[in-house]
Amino acid sequence: MSGTTPNPADRNDLEARLKVTEDTLKTMSRRIDQLERELDELRRRSDVEIPDDILMAISAAVSAYLGNSGKVRAVRFHRHRTWAQQGRRAAQIHHRTQM
């Protein structure tokens, strides 16, 4: 060993950096946990089957509206809960009702 002792300022700097790194890792871990919960929720919603009676009701409504010339090709549950998506959906519905 060269006989030099560590500088207290260097030690304090390293401890401060370690603290910042630990805090960053904790924050990232919480965010990853939240994202994994959201992903599980989205997967759960996407796996939900639409009951036959709901499909028949949708088919009947389309048929009544289009005079038996329409065909239901796909039906999906609405999966997004964000306010932006809700706003776009409300605007689209509003524009459809004005036609």
C-alpha atoms as a PDB file:
ATOM      1  CA  MET A   1       0.000   0.000   0.000  1.00  0.00           C
ATOM      2  CA  SER A   2       1.162   3.490  -0.673  1.00  0.00           C
ATOM      3  CA  GLY A   3       0.214   4.651   2.801  1.00  0.00           C
ATOM      4  CA  THR A   4      -2.335   7.229   1.628  1.00  0.00           C
ATOM      5  CA  THR A   5      -5.670   7.507   3.349  1.00  0.00           C
ATOM      6  CA  PRO A   6      -8.876   8.083   1.404  1.00  0.00           C
ATOM      7  CA  ASN A   7      -9.913  11.690   1.138  1.00  0.00           C
ATOM      8  CA  PRO A   8     -13.087  12.318   3.209  1.00  0.00           C
ATOM      9  CA  ALA A   9     -14.491  14.476   0.396  1.00  0.00           C
ATOM     10  CA  ASP A  10     -14.076  11.603  -2.080  1.00  0.00           C
ATOM     11  CA  ARG A  11     -15.763   9.239   0.355  1.00  0.00           C
ATOM     12  CA  ASN A  12     -18.690  11.650   0.829  1.00  0.00           C
ATOM     13  CA  ASP A  13     -19.003  12.041  -2.930  1.00  0.00           C
ATOM     14  CA  LEU A  14     -19.087   8.264  -3.406  1.00  0.00           C
ATOM     15  CA  GLU A  15     -21.688   7.868  -0.652  1.00  0.00           C
ATOM     16  CA  ALA A  16     -23.844  10.582  -2.233  1.00  0.00           C
ATOM     17  CA  ARG A  17     -23.608   8.905  -5.643  1.00  0.00           C
ATOM     18  CA  LEU A  18     -24.459   5.548  -4.104  1.00  0.00           C
ATOM     19  CA  LYS A  19     -27.518   7.083  -2.413  1.00  0.00           C
ATOM     20  CA  VAL A  20     -28.682   8.608  -5.721  1.00  0.00           C
ATOM     21  CA  THR A  21     -28.181   5.273  -7.477  1.00  0.00           C
ATOM     22  CA  GLU A  22     -30.124   3.406  -4.787  1.00  0.00           C
ATOM     23  CA  ASP A  23     -32.994   5.929  -4.983  1.00  0.00           C
ATOM     24  CA  THR A  24     -33.052   5.640  -8.785  1.00  0.00           C
ATOM     25  CA  LEU A  25     -33.177   1.846  -8.591  1.00  0.00           C
ATOM     26  CA  LYS A  26     -36.044   1.974  -6.077  1.00  0.00           C
ATOM     27  CA  THR A  27     -37.986   4.359  -8.319  1.00  0.00           C
ATOM     28  CA  MET A  28     -37.382   2.215 -11.388  1.00  0.00           C
ATOM     29  CA  SER A  29     -38.410  -0.912  -9.496  1.00  0.00           C
ATOM     30  CA  ARG A  30     -41.708   0.727  -8.461  1.00  0.00           C
ATOM     31  CA  ARG A  31     -42.361   1.832 -12.055  1.00  0.00           C
ATOM     32  CA  ILE A  32     -41.605  -1.647 -13.407  1.00  0.00           C
ATOM     33  CA  ASP A  33     -43.974  -3.166 -10.849  1.00  0.00           C
ATOM     34  CA  GLN A  34     -46.698  -0.724 -11.908  1.00  0.00           C
ATOM     35  CA  LEU A  35     -46.136  -1.475 -15.601  1.00  0.00           C
ATOM     36  CA  GLU A  36     -46.274  -5.219 -14.953  1.00  0.00           C
ATOM     37  CA  ARG A  37     -49.603  -4.790 -13.125  1.00  0.00           C
ATOM     38  CA  GLU A  38     -50.977  -2.735 -16.030  1.00  0.00           C
ATOM     39  CA  LEU A  39     -49.756  -5.339 -18.528  1.00  0.00           C
ATOM     40  CA  ASP A  40     -51.431  -8.121 -16.538  1.00  0.00           C
ATOM     41  CA  GLU A  41     -54.680  -6.106 -16.514  1.00  0.00           C
ATOM     42  CA  LEU A  42     -54.516  -5.560 -20.279  1.00  0.00           C
ATOM     43  CA  ARG A  43     -53.830  -9.239 -20.884  1.00  0.00           C
ATOM     44  CA  ARG A  44     -56.726 -10.182 -18.623  1.00  0.00           C
ATOM     45  CA  ARG A  45     -59.068  -7.847 -20.515  1.00  0.00           C
ATOM     46  CA  SER A  46     -57.944  -9.056 -23.927  1.00  0.00           C
ATOM     47  CA  ASP A  47     -58.626 -12.681 -22.981  1.00  0.00           C
ATOM     48  CA  VAL A  48     -62.265 -12.000 -22.075  1.00  0.00           C
ATOM     49  CA  GLU A  49     -64.725 -13.666 -24.421  1.00  0.00           C
ATOM     50  CA  ILE A  50     -67.836 -11.774 -25.502  1.00  0.00           C
ATOM     51  CA  PRO A  51     -70.942 -13.732 -24.484  1.00  0.00           C
ATOM     52  CA  ASP A  52     -73.132 -15.139 -27.269  1.00  0.00           C
ATOM     53  CA  ASP A  53     -76.210 -13.231 -26.121  1.00  0.00           C
ATOM     54  CA  ILE A  54     -74.298  -9.930 -26.447  1.00  0.00           C
ATOM     55  CA  LEU A  55     -73.116 -10.896 -29.936  1.00  0.00           C
ATOM     56  CA  MET A  56     -76.685 -11.775 -30.935  1.00  0.00           C
ATOM     57  CA  ALA A  57     -77.947  -8.429 -29.618  1.00  0.00           C
ATOM     58  CA  ILE A  58     -75.260  -6.551 -31.563  1.00  0.00           C
ATOM     59  CA  SER A  59     -76.066  -8.549 -34.700  1.00  0.00           C
ATOM     60  CA  ALA A  60     -79.776  -7.827 -34.307  1.00  0.00           C
ATOM     61  CA  ALA A  61     -79.115  -4.105 -33.862  1.00  0.00           C
ATOM     62  CA  VAL A  62     -76.896  -3.980 -36.948  1.00  0.00           C
ATOM     63  CA  SER A  63     -79.435  -5.943 -38.933  1.00  0.00           C
ATOM     64  CA  ALA A  64     -82.279  -3.658 -37.854  1.00  0.00           C
ATOM     65  CA  TYR A  65     -80.296  -0.525 -38.617  1.00  0.00           C
ATOM     66  CA  LEU A  66     -79.034  -1.682 -42.013  1.00  0.00           C
ATOM     67  CA  GLY A  67     -82.188  -3.558 -43.033  1.00  0.00           C
ATOM     68  CA  ASN A  68     -80.732  -7.086 -42.991  1.00  0.00           C
ATOM     69  CA  SER A  69     -77.974  -6.120 -45.410  1.00  0.00           C
ATOM     70  CA  GLY A  70     -75.269  -5.735 -42.790  1.00  0.00           C
ATOM     71  CA  LYS A  71     -72.901  -8.299 -41.382  1.00  0.00           C
ATOM     72  CA  VAL A  72     -71.058  -8.140 -38.066  1.00  0.00           C
ATOM     73  CA  ARG A  73     -67.445  -9.018 -38.799  1.00  0.00           C
ATOM     74  CA  ALA A  74     -65.738  -8.297 -35.499  1.00  0.00           C
ATOM     75  CA  VAL A  75     -66.664  -7.271 -31.985  1.00  0.00           C
ATOM     76  CA  ARG A  76     -64.147  -6.287 -29.320  1.00  0.00           C
ATOM     77  CA  PHE A  77     -64.261  -4.972 -25.796  1.00  0.00           C
ATOM     78  CA  HIS A  78     -63.013  -1.439 -25.430  1.00  0.00           C
ATOM     79  CA  ARG A  79     -59.707  -1.866 -23.563  1.00  0.00           C
ATOM     80  CA  HIS A  80     -58.366   1.662 -23.019  1.00  0.00           C
ATOM     81  CA  ARG A  81     -59.164   3.796 -20.014  1.00  0.00           C
ATOM     82  CA  THR A  82     -57.037   6.845 -20.730  1.00  0.00           C
ATOM     83  CA  TRP A  83     -58.727  10.222 -20.814  1.00  0.00           C
ATOM     84  CA  ALA A  84     -57.334  10.920 -24.282  1.00  0.00           C
ATOM     85  CA  GLN A  85     -58.827   7.721 -25.668  1.00  0.00           C
ATOM     86  CA  GLN A  86     -62.154   8.494 -23.986  1.00  0.00           C
ATOM     87  CA  GLY A  87     -62.127  11.981 -25.511  1.00  0.00           C
ATOM     88  CA  ARG A  88     -61.431  10.642 -29.006  1.00  0.00           C
ATOM     89  CA  ARG A  89     -64.157   8.055 -28.588  1.00  0.00           C
ATOM     90  CA  ALA A  90     -66.671  10.676 -27.445  1.00  0.00           C
ATOM     91  CA  ALA A  91     -65.778  12.892 -30.407  1.00  0.00           C
ATOM     92  CA  GLN A  92     -66.164  10.003 -32.843  1.00  0.00           C
ATOM     93  CA  ILE A  93     -69.551   9.068 -31.398  1.00  0.00           C
ATOM     94  CA  HIS A  94     -70.633  12.714 -31.548  1.00  0.00           C
ATOM     95  CA  HIS A  95     -69.623  12.972 -35.222  1.00  0.00           C
ATOM     96  CA  ARG A  96     -71.399   9.717 -36.064  1.00  0.00           C
ATOM     97  CA  THR A  97     -74.667  10.928 -34.549  1.00  0.00           C
ATOM     98  CA  GLN A  98     -74.554  14.105 -36.635  1.00  0.00           C
ATOM     99  CA  MET A  99     -74.439  12.209 -39.934  1.00  0.00           C
END
